[in-house]
Amino acid sequence: TTEIYTLSLHDALPIFAIHAHPNSDSYNRALSDAYVRGARSAGAQVDELVLDELDFDVVLHKGYSEIQPLEPDLVRAQQLITGADHIVLSFPVWWGAAPALLKGFLDRTFLPGWAFRFREIWPLPVRLLKGRTAHVIVTMDSPKLVYAALYWGSAHRSVIAGTLAFSGIGPVSTQTVSAVKYLPAWERRRQLARSEALGRRHAHRGTHE
């Protein structure tokens, strides 16, 4: 069943939007901007980070055997994630995966002891970021069936299951726009309108249905 929400503007969720496409003029960024615009129009407080504008080392040099000190931009990112009820993450699929910029951000930010921890005698993680929902916006030039058949939804699995859900964030909704290179103008407009509508809807209930 669908839960009915009758919330005022003052009940809108704190939202944190992470723009992970390195090109601010991309269609991916336009979709995430539309989502943010919709959420703000519904009264949500939205904080934003543009990964390409941050100053941090994307390489996790020694894995998790020795945690690198966090740069100020990554400390702020952790604070914004902690303070959010709902997280929006937008990125393109390149070579069947998320861009190196996003992968480096996740490697450096979603650290053991902050995003998750392991028990000594149990292999499954304690998910430390529970209580937050997420919405992921993904764009790609590959047709949807090709992406599913050849790559098994690899980027989605890595980011959504391998990072967000692993850390306790969920449920996670998605807006995936495939074959972007070949989209007609009317479909681009439709997806932008859809993204804005999702932002308005999620402003009050996250991705809970």
C-alpha atoms as a PDB file:
ATOM      1  CA  THR A   1       0.000   0.000   0.000  1.00  0.00           C
ATOM      2  CA  THR A   2       1.029   3.589  -0.502  1.00  0.00           C
ATOM      3  CA  GLU A   3       1.411   5.668   2.642  1.00  0.00           C
ATOM      4  CA  ILE A   4      -0.350   9.025   2.435  1.00  0.00           C
ATOM      5  CA  TYR A   5       1.633  12.064   3.533  1.00  0.00           C
ATOM      6  CA  THR A   6      -0.003  15.326   4.563  1.00  0.00           C
ATOM      7  CA  LEU A   7       2.996  17.413   5.521  1.00  0.00           C
ATOM      8  CA  SER A   8       3.494  21.149   5.462  1.00  0.00           C
ATOM      9  CA  LEU A   9       6.431  22.952   3.898  1.00  0.00           C
ATOM     10  CA  HIS A  10       8.043  23.042   7.335  1.00  0.00           C
ATOM     11  CA  ASP A  11       8.215  19.225   7.275  1.00  0.00           C
ATOM     12  CA  ALA A  12      10.385  19.131   4.148  1.00  0.00           C
ATOM     13  CA  LEU A  13      13.513  16.987   4.429  1.00  0.00           C
ATOM     14  CA  PRO A  14      17.090  18.275   4.670  1.00  0.00           C
ATOM     15  CA  ILE A  15      18.550  17.190   1.320  1.00  0.00           C
ATOM     16  CA  PHE A  16      22.174  16.919   0.232  1.00  0.00           C
ATOM     17  CA  ALA A  17      22.848  16.920  -3.525  1.00  0.00           C
ATOM     18  CA  ILE A  18      26.172  15.615  -4.844  1.00  0.00           C
ATOM     19  CA  HIS A  19      26.852  16.598  -8.465  1.00  0.00           C
ATOM     20  CA  ALA A  20      29.450  14.117  -9.717  1.00  0.00           C
ATOM     21  CA  HIS A  21      29.630  14.870 -13.434  1.00  0.00           C
ATOM     22  CA  PRO A  22      32.908  16.721 -14.095  1.00  0.00           C
ATOM     23  CA  ASN A  23      31.214  18.878 -16.746  1.00  0.00           C
ATOM     24  CA  SER A  24      28.805  21.433 -15.260  1.00  0.00           C
ATOM     25  CA  ASP A  25      27.248  21.963 -18.712  1.00  0.00           C
ATOM     26  CA  SER A  26      26.281  18.305 -19.097  1.00  0.00           C
ATOM     27  CA  TYR A  27      22.764  16.943 -19.446  1.00  0.00           C
ATOM     28  CA  ASN A  28      23.420  14.930 -16.299  1.00  0.00           C
ATOM     29  CA  ARG A  29      23.981  18.164 -14.381  1.00  0.00           C
ATOM     30  CA  ALA A  30      20.834  19.666 -15.909  1.00  0.00           C
ATOM     31  CA  LEU A  31      18.836  16.710 -14.561  1.00  0.00           C
ATOM     32  CA  SER A  32      20.272  17.055 -11.072  1.00  0.00           C
ATOM     33  CA  ASP A  33      19.721  20.825 -11.120  1.00  0.00           C
ATOM     34  CA  ALA A  34      16.088  20.196 -12.072  1.00  0.00           C
ATOM     35  CA  TYR A  35      15.710  17.799  -9.138  1.00  0.00           C
ATOM     36  CA  VAL A  36      17.176  20.362  -6.736  1.00  0.00           C
ATOM     37  CA  ARG A  37      14.916  23.050  -8.168  1.00  0.00           C
ATOM     38  CA  GLY A  38      11.873  20.869  -7.605  1.00  0.00           C
ATOM     39  CA  ALA A  39      12.875  20.026  -4.036  1.00  0.00           C
ATOM     40  CA  ARG A  40      13.440  23.682  -3.155  1.00  0.00           C
ATOM     41  CA  SER A  41      10.121  24.670  -4.688  1.00  0.00           C
ATOM     42  CA  ALA A  42       8.499  22.228  -2.246  1.00  0.00           C
ATOM     43  CA  GLY A  43      10.235  23.895   0.702  1.00  0.00           C
ATOM     44  CA  ALA A  44      13.231  21.614   1.201  1.00  0.00           C
ATOM     45  CA  GLN A  45      16.573  22.911   2.398  1.00  0.00           C
ATOM     46  CA  VAL A  46      19.105  21.635  -0.127  1.00  0.00           C
ATOM     47  CA  ASP A  47      22.863  21.723   0.337  1.00  0.00           C
ATOM     48  CA  GLU A  48      24.979  21.025  -2.748  1.00  0.00           C
ATOM     49  CA  LEU A  49      28.500  19.890  -3.536  1.00  0.00           C
ATOM     50  CA  VAL A  50      30.044  19.931  -7.001  1.00  0.00           C
ATOM     51  CA  LEU A  51      32.780  17.307  -6.875  1.00  0.00           C
ATOM     52  CA  ASP A  52      34.826  18.940  -9.611  1.00  0.00           C
ATOM     53  CA  GLU A  53      35.151  22.063  -7.446  1.00  0.00           C
ATOM     54  CA  LEU A  54      36.496  20.232  -4.390  1.00  0.00           C
ATOM     55  CA  ASP A  55      40.171  20.035  -3.457  1.00  0.00           C
ATOM     56  CA  PHE A  56      41.081  16.475  -2.465  1.00  0.00           C
ATOM     57  CA  ASP A  57      43.303  13.575  -3.486  1.00  0.00           C
ATOM     58  CA  VAL A  58      41.142  11.022  -5.294  1.00  0.00           C
ATOM     59  CA  VAL A  59      43.634   8.200  -4.682  1.00  0.00           C
ATOM     60  CA  LEU A  60      43.360   6.040  -1.575  1.00  0.00           C
ATOM     61  CA  HIS A  61      47.094   5.411  -1.451  1.00  0.00           C
ATOM     62  CA  LYS A  62      47.302   2.650   1.172  1.00  0.00           C
ATOM     63  CA  GLY A  63      43.802   1.270   1.020  1.00  0.00           C
ATOM     64  CA  TYR A  64      42.180   1.115   4.424  1.00  0.00           C
ATOM     65  CA  SER A  65      45.305  -0.137   6.198  1.00  0.00           C
ATOM     66  CA  GLU A  66      46.233   3.473   6.892  1.00  0.00           C
ATOM     67  CA  ILE A  67      43.509   6.113   6.655  1.00  0.00           C
ATOM     68  CA  GLN A  68      44.605   9.315   4.945  1.00  0.00           C
ATOM     69  CA  PRO A  69      43.797  12.565   6.747  1.00  0.00           C
ATOM     70  CA  LEU A  70      40.670  14.102   5.252  1.00  0.00           C
ATOM     71  CA  GLU A  71      40.950  17.383   3.385  1.00  0.00           C
ATOM     72  CA  PRO A  72      38.573  20.145   4.622  1.00  0.00           C
ATOM     73  CA  ASP A  73      36.240  19.632   1.641  1.00  0.00           C
ATOM     74  CA  LEU A  74      35.810  15.955   2.539  1.00  0.00           C
ATOM     75  CA  VAL A  75      35.232  16.779   6.211  1.00  0.00           C
ATOM     76  CA  ARG A  76      32.453  19.123   5.100  1.00  0.00           C
ATOM     77  CA  ALA A  77      31.032  16.439   2.802  1.00  0.00           C
ATOM     78  CA  GLN A  78      30.820  14.004   5.712  1.00  0.00           C
ATOM     79  CA  GLN A  79      29.102  16.654   7.819  1.00  0.00           C
ATOM     80  CA  LEU A  80      26.535  17.315   5.091  1.00  0.00           C
ATOM     81  CA  ILE A  81      25.825  13.608   4.651  1.00  0.00           C
ATOM     82  CA  THR A  82      25.415  13.189   8.399  1.00  0.00           C
ATOM     83  CA  GLY A  83      23.013  16.140   8.557  1.00  0.00           C
ATOM     84  CA  ALA A  84      20.865  15.053   5.613  1.00  0.00           C
ATOM     85  CA  ASP A  85      17.769  12.885   5.624  1.00  0.00           C
ATOM     86  CA  HIS A  86      17.888  12.408   1.862  1.00  0.00           C
ATOM     87  CA  ILE A  87      20.871  12.297  -0.502  1.00  0.00           C
ATOM     88  CA  VAL A  88      20.803  12.983  -4.238  1.00  0.00           C
ATOM     89  CA  LEU A  89      23.707  11.681  -6.293  1.00  0.00           C
ATOM     90  CA  SER A  90      24.077  12.280 -10.029  1.00  0.00           C
ATOM     91  CA  PHE A  91      26.748  10.805 -12.290  1.00  0.00           C
ATOM     92  CA  PRO A  92      27.352   9.467 -15.810  1.00  0.00           C
ATOM     93  CA  VAL A  93      28.346   5.924 -16.728  1.00  0.00           C
ATOM     94  CA  TRP A  94      31.728   5.793 -18.463  1.00  0.00           C
ATOM     95  CA  TRP A  95      33.237   2.444 -19.488  1.00  0.00           C
ATOM     96  CA  GLY A  96      30.559   0.635 -17.511  1.00  0.00           C
ATOM     97  CA  ALA A  97      31.426   2.429 -14.273  1.00  0.00           C
ATOM     98  CA  ALA A  98      31.131   5.698 -12.385  1.00  0.00           C
ATOM     99  CA  PRO A  99      33.737   8.378 -13.225  1.00  0.00           C
ATOM    100  CA  ALA A 100      37.071   8.278 -11.408  1.00  0.00           C
ATOM    101  CA  LEU A 101      36.157  11.536  -9.653  1.00  0.00           C
ATOM    102  CA  LEU A 102      33.125   9.947  -7.978  1.00  0.00           C
ATOM    103  CA  LYS A 103      34.923   6.692  -7.213  1.00  0.00           C
ATOM    104  CA  GLY A 104      37.726   8.616  -5.550  1.00  0.00           C
ATOM    105  CA  PHE A 105      35.226  10.666  -3.530  1.00  0.00           C
ATOM    106  CA  LEU A 106      33.465   7.540  -2.294  1.00  0.00           C
ATOM    107  CA  ASP A 107      36.755   5.787  -1.495  1.00  0.00           C
ATOM    108  CA  ARG A 108      37.983   8.742   0.535  1.00  0.00           C
ATOM    109  CA  THR A 109      34.712   9.729   2.224  1.00  0.00           C
ATOM    110  CA  PHE A 110      32.782   6.535   3.042  1.00  0.00           C
ATOM    111  CA  LEU A 111      35.340   5.330   5.559  1.00  0.00           C
ATOM    112  CA  PRO A 112      35.243   2.438   8.027  1.00  0.00           C
ATOM    113  CA  GLY A 113      34.226   3.739  11.426  1.00  0.00           C
ATOM    114  CA  TRP A 114      32.146   6.469   9.803  1.00  0.00           C
ATOM    115  CA  ALA A 115      30.041   4.796   7.098  1.00  0.00           C
ATOM    116  CA  PHE A 116      30.298   1.217   8.385  1.00  0.00           C
ATOM    117  CA  ARG A 117      32.199  -1.040  10.732  1.00  0.00           C
ATOM    118  CA  PHE A 118      32.738  -4.751  11.032  1.00  0.00           C
ATOM    119  CA  ARG A 119      32.141  -6.913  14.075  1.00  0.00           C
ATOM    120  CA  GLU A 120      35.044  -9.124  15.090  1.00  0.00           C
ATOM    121  CA  ILE A 121      33.210 -12.428  14.607  1.00  0.00           C
ATOM    122  CA  TRP A 122      30.631 -11.539  11.942  1.00  0.00           C
ATOM    123  CA  PRO A 123      31.354 -10.792   8.254  1.00  0.00           C
ATOM    124  CA  LEU A 124      28.413  -8.475   7.607  1.00  0.00           C
ATOM    125  CA  PRO A 125      28.880  -4.749   8.288  1.00  0.00           C
ATOM    126  CA  VAL A 126      27.197  -2.567  10.851  1.00  0.00           C
ATOM    127  CA  ARG A 127      25.635   0.082   8.619  1.00  0.00           C
ATOM    128  CA  LEU A 128      26.321   3.423  10.281  1.00  0.00           C
ATOM    129  CA  LEU A 129      24.401   5.700   7.877  1.00  0.00           C
ATOM    130  CA  LYS A 130      20.960   4.190   8.422  1.00  0.00           C
ATOM    131  CA  GLY A 131      17.984   6.535   8.522  1.00  0.00           C
ATOM    132  CA  ARG A 132      18.740   8.247   5.216  1.00  0.00           C
ATOM    133  CA  THR A 133      17.153   7.705   1.830  1.00  0.00           C
ATOM    134  CA  ALA A 134      18.713   8.460  -1.543  1.00  0.00           C
ATOM    135  CA  HIS A 135      17.910   9.189  -5.156  1.00  0.00           C
ATOM    136  CA  VAL A 136      20.460   8.446  -7.878  1.00  0.00           C
ATOM    137  CA  ILE A 137      20.423  10.109 -11.314  1.00  0.00           C
ATOM    138  CA  VAL A 138      22.410   8.228 -13.937  1.00  0.00           C
ATOM    139  CA  THR A 139      23.030   9.067 -17.593  1.00  0.00           C
ATOM    140  CA  MET A 140      24.747   7.026 -20.289  1.00  0.00           C
ATOM    141  CA  ASP A 141      25.102   6.894 -24.045  1.00  0.00           C
ATOM    142  CA  SER A 142      24.631   3.106 -24.106  1.00  0.00           C
ATOM    143  CA  PRO A 143      21.116   1.788 -24.757  1.00  0.00           C
ATOM    144  CA  LYS A 144      19.532   0.345 -21.611  1.00  0.00           C
ATOM    145  CA  LEU A 145      19.457  -3.241 -22.910  1.00  0.00           C
ATOM    146  CA  VAL A 146      23.130  -3.127 -23.908  1.00  0.00           C
ATOM    147  CA  TYR A 147      24.100  -1.795 -20.473  1.00  0.00           C
ATOM    148  CA  ALA A 148      22.090  -4.513 -18.752  1.00  0.00           C
ATOM    149  CA  ALA A 149      23.234  -7.367 -20.984  1.00  0.00           C
ATOM    150  CA  LEU A 150      26.929  -6.542 -21.337  1.00  0.00           C
ATOM    151  CA  TYR A 151      27.667  -4.799 -18.038  1.00  0.00           C
ATOM    152  CA  TRP A 152      24.932  -6.231 -15.762  1.00  0.00           C
ATOM    153  CA  GLY A 153      24.122  -2.750 -14.474  1.00  0.00           C
ATOM    154  CA  SER A 154      27.668  -2.492 -13.158  1.00  0.00           C
ATOM    155  CA  ALA A 155      27.724   1.194 -12.194  1.00  0.00           C
ATOM    156  CA  HIS A 156      24.360   0.937 -10.439  1.00  0.00           C
ATOM    157  CA  ARG A 157      25.488  -2.121  -8.511  1.00  0.00           C
ATOM    158  CA  SER A 158      28.760  -0.519  -7.465  1.00  0.00           C
ATOM    159  CA  VAL A 159      27.352   2.796  -6.268  1.00  0.00           C
ATOM    160  CA  ILE A 160      23.913   1.776  -4.993  1.00  0.00           C
ATOM    161  CA  ALA A 161      24.491  -1.709  -3.578  1.00  0.00           C
ATOM    162  CA  GLY A 162      28.235  -1.566  -3.025  1.00  0.00           C
ATOM    163  CA  THR A 163      28.374   1.823  -1.314  1.00  0.00           C
ATOM    164  CA  LEU A 164      25.040   3.404  -0.360  1.00  0.00           C
ATOM    165  CA  ALA A 165      23.177   0.274   0.754  1.00  0.00           C
ATOM    166  CA  PHE A 166      26.365  -1.182   2.259  1.00  0.00           C
ATOM    167  CA  SER A 167      26.494   1.899   4.505  1.00  0.00           C
ATOM    168  CA  GLY A 168      22.798   1.664   5.419  1.00  0.00           C
ATOM    169  CA  ILE A 169      21.387   4.330   3.089  1.00  0.00           C
ATOM    170  CA  GLY A 170      18.056   3.265   1.647  1.00  0.00           C
ATOM    171  CA  PRO A 171      15.715   2.822   0.075  1.00  0.00           C
ATOM    172  CA  VAL A 172      17.370   4.231  -3.046  1.00  0.00           C
ATOM    173  CA  SER A 173      15.306   5.322  -6.054  1.00  0.00           C
ATOM    174  CA  THR A 174      16.827   5.845  -9.491  1.00  0.00           C
ATOM    175  CA  GLN A 175      16.282   7.898 -12.616  1.00  0.00           C
ATOM    176  CA  THR A 176      18.317   6.337 -15.404  1.00  0.00           C
ATOM    177  CA  VAL A 177      18.426   8.047 -18.785  1.00  0.00           C
ATOM    178  CA  SER A 178      20.076   5.865 -21.419  1.00  0.00           C
ATOM    179  CA  ALA A 179      21.115   6.503 -25.022  1.00  0.00           C
ATOM    180  CA  VAL A 180      21.475  10.209 -24.157  1.00  0.00           C
ATOM    181  CA  LYS A 181      23.452  10.877 -27.322  1.00  0.00           C
ATOM    182  CA  TYR A 182      20.425   9.902 -29.384  1.00  0.00           C
ATOM    183  CA  LEU A 183      17.619  11.430 -27.308  1.00  0.00           C
ATOM    184  CA  PRO A 184      15.246  13.730 -29.190  1.00  0.00           C
ATOM    185  CA  ALA A 185      14.632  17.171 -27.732  1.00  0.00           C
ATOM    186  CA  TRP A 186      11.139  16.296 -26.535  1.00  0.00           C
ATOM    187  CA  GLU A 187      12.445  13.325 -24.522  1.00  0.00           C
ATOM    188  CA  ARG A 188      15.170  15.459 -22.971  1.00  0.00           C
ATOM    189  CA  ARG A 189      12.515  17.942 -21.865  1.00  0.00           C
ATOM    190  CA  ARG A 190      10.337  15.136 -20.517  1.00  0.00           C
ATOM    191  CA  GLN A 191      13.162  13.724 -18.417  1.00  0.00           C
ATOM    192  CA  LEU A 192      13.987  17.179 -17.045  1.00  0.00           C
ATOM    193  CA  ALA A 193      10.348  17.656 -16.054  1.00  0.00           C
ATOM    194  CA  ARG A 194      10.325  14.213 -14.471  1.00  0.00           C
ATOM    195  CA  SER A 195      13.449  15.015 -12.467  1.00  0.00           C
ATOM    196  CA  GLU A 196      11.913  18.232 -11.158  1.00  0.00           C
ATOM    197  CA  ALA A 197       8.694  16.421 -10.234  1.00  0.00           C
ATOM    198  CA  LEU A 198      10.676  13.768  -8.350  1.00  0.00           C
ATOM    199  CA  GLY A 199      12.479  16.499  -6.427  1.00  0.00           C
ATOM    200  CA  ARG A 200       9.154  17.997  -5.339  1.00  0.00           C
ATOM    201  CA  ARG A 201       7.805  14.601  -4.299  1.00  0.00           C
ATOM    202  CA  HIS A 202      10.907  13.448  -2.456  1.00  0.00           C
ATOM    203  CA  ALA A 203      11.194  16.750  -0.581  1.00  0.00           C
ATOM    204  CA  HIS A 204       8.651  15.493   1.913  1.00  0.00           C
ATOM    205  CA  ARG A 205       9.003  11.744   1.964  1.00  0.00           C
ATOM    206  CA  GLY A 206      12.390  10.846   0.557  1.00  0.00           C
ATOM    207  CA  THR A 207      12.008   7.670  -1.454  1.00  0.00           C
ATOM    208  CA  HIS A 208       9.629   5.979   0.974  1.00  0.00           C
ATOM    209  CA  GLU A 209       6.462   4.746  -0.692  1.00  0.00           C
END
